C-alpha atoms as a PDB file:
ATOM      1  CA  MET A   1      75.807   8.935  27.542  1.00  0.00           C
ATOM      2  CA  THR A   2      73.039   6.414  27.032  1.00  0.00           C
ATOM      3  CA  LYS A   3      72.069   6.746  30.628  1.00  0.00           C
ATOM      4  CA  ILE A   4      71.867  10.527  30.301  1.00  0.00           C
ATOM      5  CA  ALA A   5      69.753  10.216  27.141  1.00  0.00           C
ATOM      6  CA  GLY A   6      67.406   7.855  28.971  1.00  0.00           C
ATOM      7  CA  THR A   7      67.113  10.278  31.868  1.00  0.00           C
ATOM      8  CA  VAL A   8      66.401  13.148  29.462  1.00  0.00           C
ATOM      9  CA  ASP A   9      63.716  11.051  27.742  1.00  0.00           C
ATOM     10  CA  GLU A  10      62.184  10.236  31.107  1.00  0.00           C
ATOM     11  CA  ILE A  11      62.190  13.942  32.026  1.00  0.00           C
ATOM     12  CA  LYS A  12      60.498  14.706  28.686  1.00  0.00           C
ATOM     13  CA  ARG A  13      57.772  12.136  29.448  1.00  0.00           C
ATOM     14  CA  PHE A  14      57.232  13.571  32.925  1.00  0.00           C
ATOM     15  CA  THR A  15      57.104  17.047  31.440  1.00  0.00           C
ATOM     16  CA  ALA A  16      54.522  15.905  28.872  1.00  0.00           C
ATOM     17  CA  VAL A  17      52.405  14.310  31.611  1.00  0.00           C
ATOM     18  CA  ILE A  18      52.664  17.450  33.717  1.00  0.00           C
ATOM     19  CA  ALA A  19      51.739  19.632  30.713  1.00  0.00           C
ATOM     20  CA  ALA A  20      48.710  17.419  29.982  1.00  0.00           C
ATOM     21  CA  THR A  21      47.659  17.546  33.618  1.00  0.00           C
ATOM     22  CA  VAL A  22      48.025  21.339  33.675  1.00  0.00           C
ATOM     23  CA  GLY A  23      45.897  21.515  30.511  1.00  0.00           C
ATOM     24  CA  GLU A  24      43.200  19.379  32.133  1.00  0.00           C
ATOM     25  CA  GLN A  25      43.380  21.524  35.263  1.00  0.00           C
ATOM     26  CA  ALA A  26      42.970  24.677  33.158  1.00  0.00           C
ATOM     27  CA  SER A  27      39.992  23.130  31.385  1.00  0.00           C
ATOM     28  CA  ALA A  28      38.372  22.149  34.692  1.00  0.00           C
ATOM     29  CA  THR A  29      39.027  25.624  36.119  1.00  0.00           C
ATOM     30  CA  SER A  30      37.470  27.201  33.045  1.00  0.00           C
ATOM     31  CA  GLU A  31      34.386  24.986  33.394  1.00  0.00           C
ATOM     32  CA  ILE A  32      34.088  25.905  37.073  1.00  0.00           C
ATOM     33  CA  ALA A  33      34.337  29.602  36.180  1.00  0.00           C
ATOM     34  CA  ARG A  34      31.571  29.205  33.570  1.00  0.00           C
ATOM     35  CA  ASN A  35      29.366  27.394  36.084  1.00  0.00           C
ATOM     36  CA  VAL A  36      29.948  30.061  38.732  1.00  0.00           C
ATOM     37  CA  GLY A  37      29.086  32.766  36.191  1.00  0.00           C
ATOM     38  CA  SER A  38      25.927  30.928  35.209  1.00  0.00           C
ATOM     39  CA  ALA A  39      24.944  30.453  38.854  1.00  0.00           C
ATOM     40  CA  ALA A  40      25.513  34.158  39.523  1.00  0.00           C
ATOM     41  CA  GLU A  41      23.342  35.089  36.552  1.00  0.00           C
ATOM     42  CA  ARG A  42      20.556  32.771  37.691  1.00  0.00           C
ATOM     43  CA  THR A  43      20.812  34.101  41.236  1.00  0.00           C
ATOM     44  CA  SER A  44      20.402  37.612  39.880  1.00  0.00           C
ATOM     45  CA  THR A  45      17.334  36.503  37.926  1.00  0.00           C
ATOM     46  CA  VAL A  46      15.827  34.888  41.036  1.00  0.00           C
ATOM     47  CA  ALA A  47      16.469  38.050  43.060  1.00  0.00           C
ATOM     48  CA  SER A  48      14.772  40.114  40.362  1.00  0.00           C
ATOM     49  CA  ASN A  49      11.803  37.740  40.334  1.00  0.00           C
ATOM     50  CA  ILE A  50      11.525  37.920  44.117  1.00  0.00           C
ATOM     51  CA  SER A  51      11.512  41.704  43.884  1.00  0.00           C
ATOM     52  CA  THR A  52       8.733  41.567  41.282  1.00  0.00           C
ATOM     53  CA  VAL A  53       6.683  39.171  43.424  1.00  0.00           C
ATOM     54  CA  THR A  54       7.199  41.367  46.491  1.00  0.00           C
ATOM     55  CA  ALA A  55       5.924  44.391  44.573  1.00  0.00           C
ATOM     56  CA  ALA A  56       2.906  42.399  43.336  1.00  0.00           C
ATOM     57  CA  ILE A  57       2.139  41.286  46.898  1.00  0.00           C
ATOM     58  CA  GLY A  58       2.266  44.908  48.029  1.00  0.00           C
ATOM     59  CA  GLU A  59      -0.154  45.911  45.280  1.00  0.00           C
ATOM     60  CA  ALA A  60      -2.477  43.004  46.106  1.00  0.00           C
ATOM     61  CA  SER A  61      -2.420  43.956  49.787  1.00  0.00           C
ATOM     62  CA  SER A  62      -3.263  47.561  48.937  1.00  0.00           C
ATOM     63  CA  SER A  63      -6.109  46.401  46.682  1.00  0.00           C
ATOM     64  CA  ALA A  64      -7.435  44.111  49.418  1.00  0.00           C
ATOM     65  CA  LYS A  65      -7.471  47.041  51.853  1.00  0.00           C
ATOM     66  CA  ASP A  66      -9.353  49.146  49.282  1.00  0.00           C
ATOM     67  CA  VAL A  67     -11.907  46.349  48.784  1.00  0.00           C
ATOM     68  CA  LEU A  68     -12.343  45.986  52.545  1.00  0.00           C
ATOM     69  CA  SER A  69     -12.908  49.715  52.898  1.00  0.00           C
ATOM     70  CA  ALA A  70     -15.382  49.745  50.012  1.00  0.00           C
ATOM     71  CA  THR A  71     -17.216  46.782  51.556  1.00  0.00           C
ATOM     72  CA  GLY A  72     -17.587  48.689  54.831  1.00  0.00           C
ATOM     73  CA  GLU A  73     -18.901  51.732  52.995  1.00  0.00           C
ATOM     74  CA  LEU A  74     -21.316  49.561  51.031  1.00  0.00           C
ATOM     75  CA  GLY A  75     -22.564  48.016  54.282  1.00  0.00           C
ATOM     76  CA  ASP A  76     -23.170  51.495  55.715  1.00  0.00           C
ATOM     77  CA  MET A  77     -25.056  52.505  52.558  1.00  0.00           C
ATOM     78  CA  ALA A  78     -27.173  49.344  52.729  1.00  0.00           C
ATOM     79  CA  ARG A  79     -28.103  50.068  56.363  1.00  0.00           C
ATOM     80  CA  ARG A  80     -29.032  53.681  55.506  1.00  0.00           C
ATOM     81  CA  LEU A  81     -31.072  52.476  52.527  1.00  0.00           C
ATOM     82  CA  GLN A  82     -32.857  49.925  54.706  1.00  0.00           C
ATOM     83  CA  THR A  83     -33.673  52.653  57.230  1.00  0.00           C
ATOM     84  CA  SER A  84     -34.968  54.908  54.456  1.00  0.00           C
ATOM     85  CA  VAL A  85     -37.105  52.103  52.997  1.00  0.00           C
ATOM     86  CA  ASP A  86     -38.467  51.227  56.453  1.00  0.00           C
ATOM     87  CA  THR A  87     -39.309  54.890  57.072  1.00  0.00           C
ATOM     88  CA  PHE A  88     -40.927  55.190  53.654  1.00  0.00           C
ATOM     89  CA  LEU A  89     -43.052  52.070  54.183  1.00  0.00           C
ATOM     90  CA  SER A  90     -44.095  53.293  57.624  1.00  0.00           C
ATOM     91  CA  ASP A  91     -45.113  56.638  56.151  1.00  0.00           C
ATOM     92  CA  VAL A  92     -47.056  54.976  53.311  1.00  0.00           C
ATOM     93  CA  ALA A  93     -48.817  52.634  55.724  1.00  0.00           C
ATOM     94  CA  ALA A  94     -49.844  55.463  57.997  1.00  0.00           C
END
């Protein structure tokens, strides 16, 4: 009987150790799940930021093309103005 009681006590201790280990495992699993959720949220934020930056780059590129076009038009106007001034000065000098 004493031997059986000792075996039962030993089983109880093993069971307690197993229960504690399962509790620790559950805690670690919960922490991992929280970290994965946080990483997913941050990844979503980064993807959103990349999308915003991509849109801004597109707008900047479009603006740069507009500026380049306007610069070409301004150059043409300057050449026409120079021609007009040269013609005017030639006419005045004559």
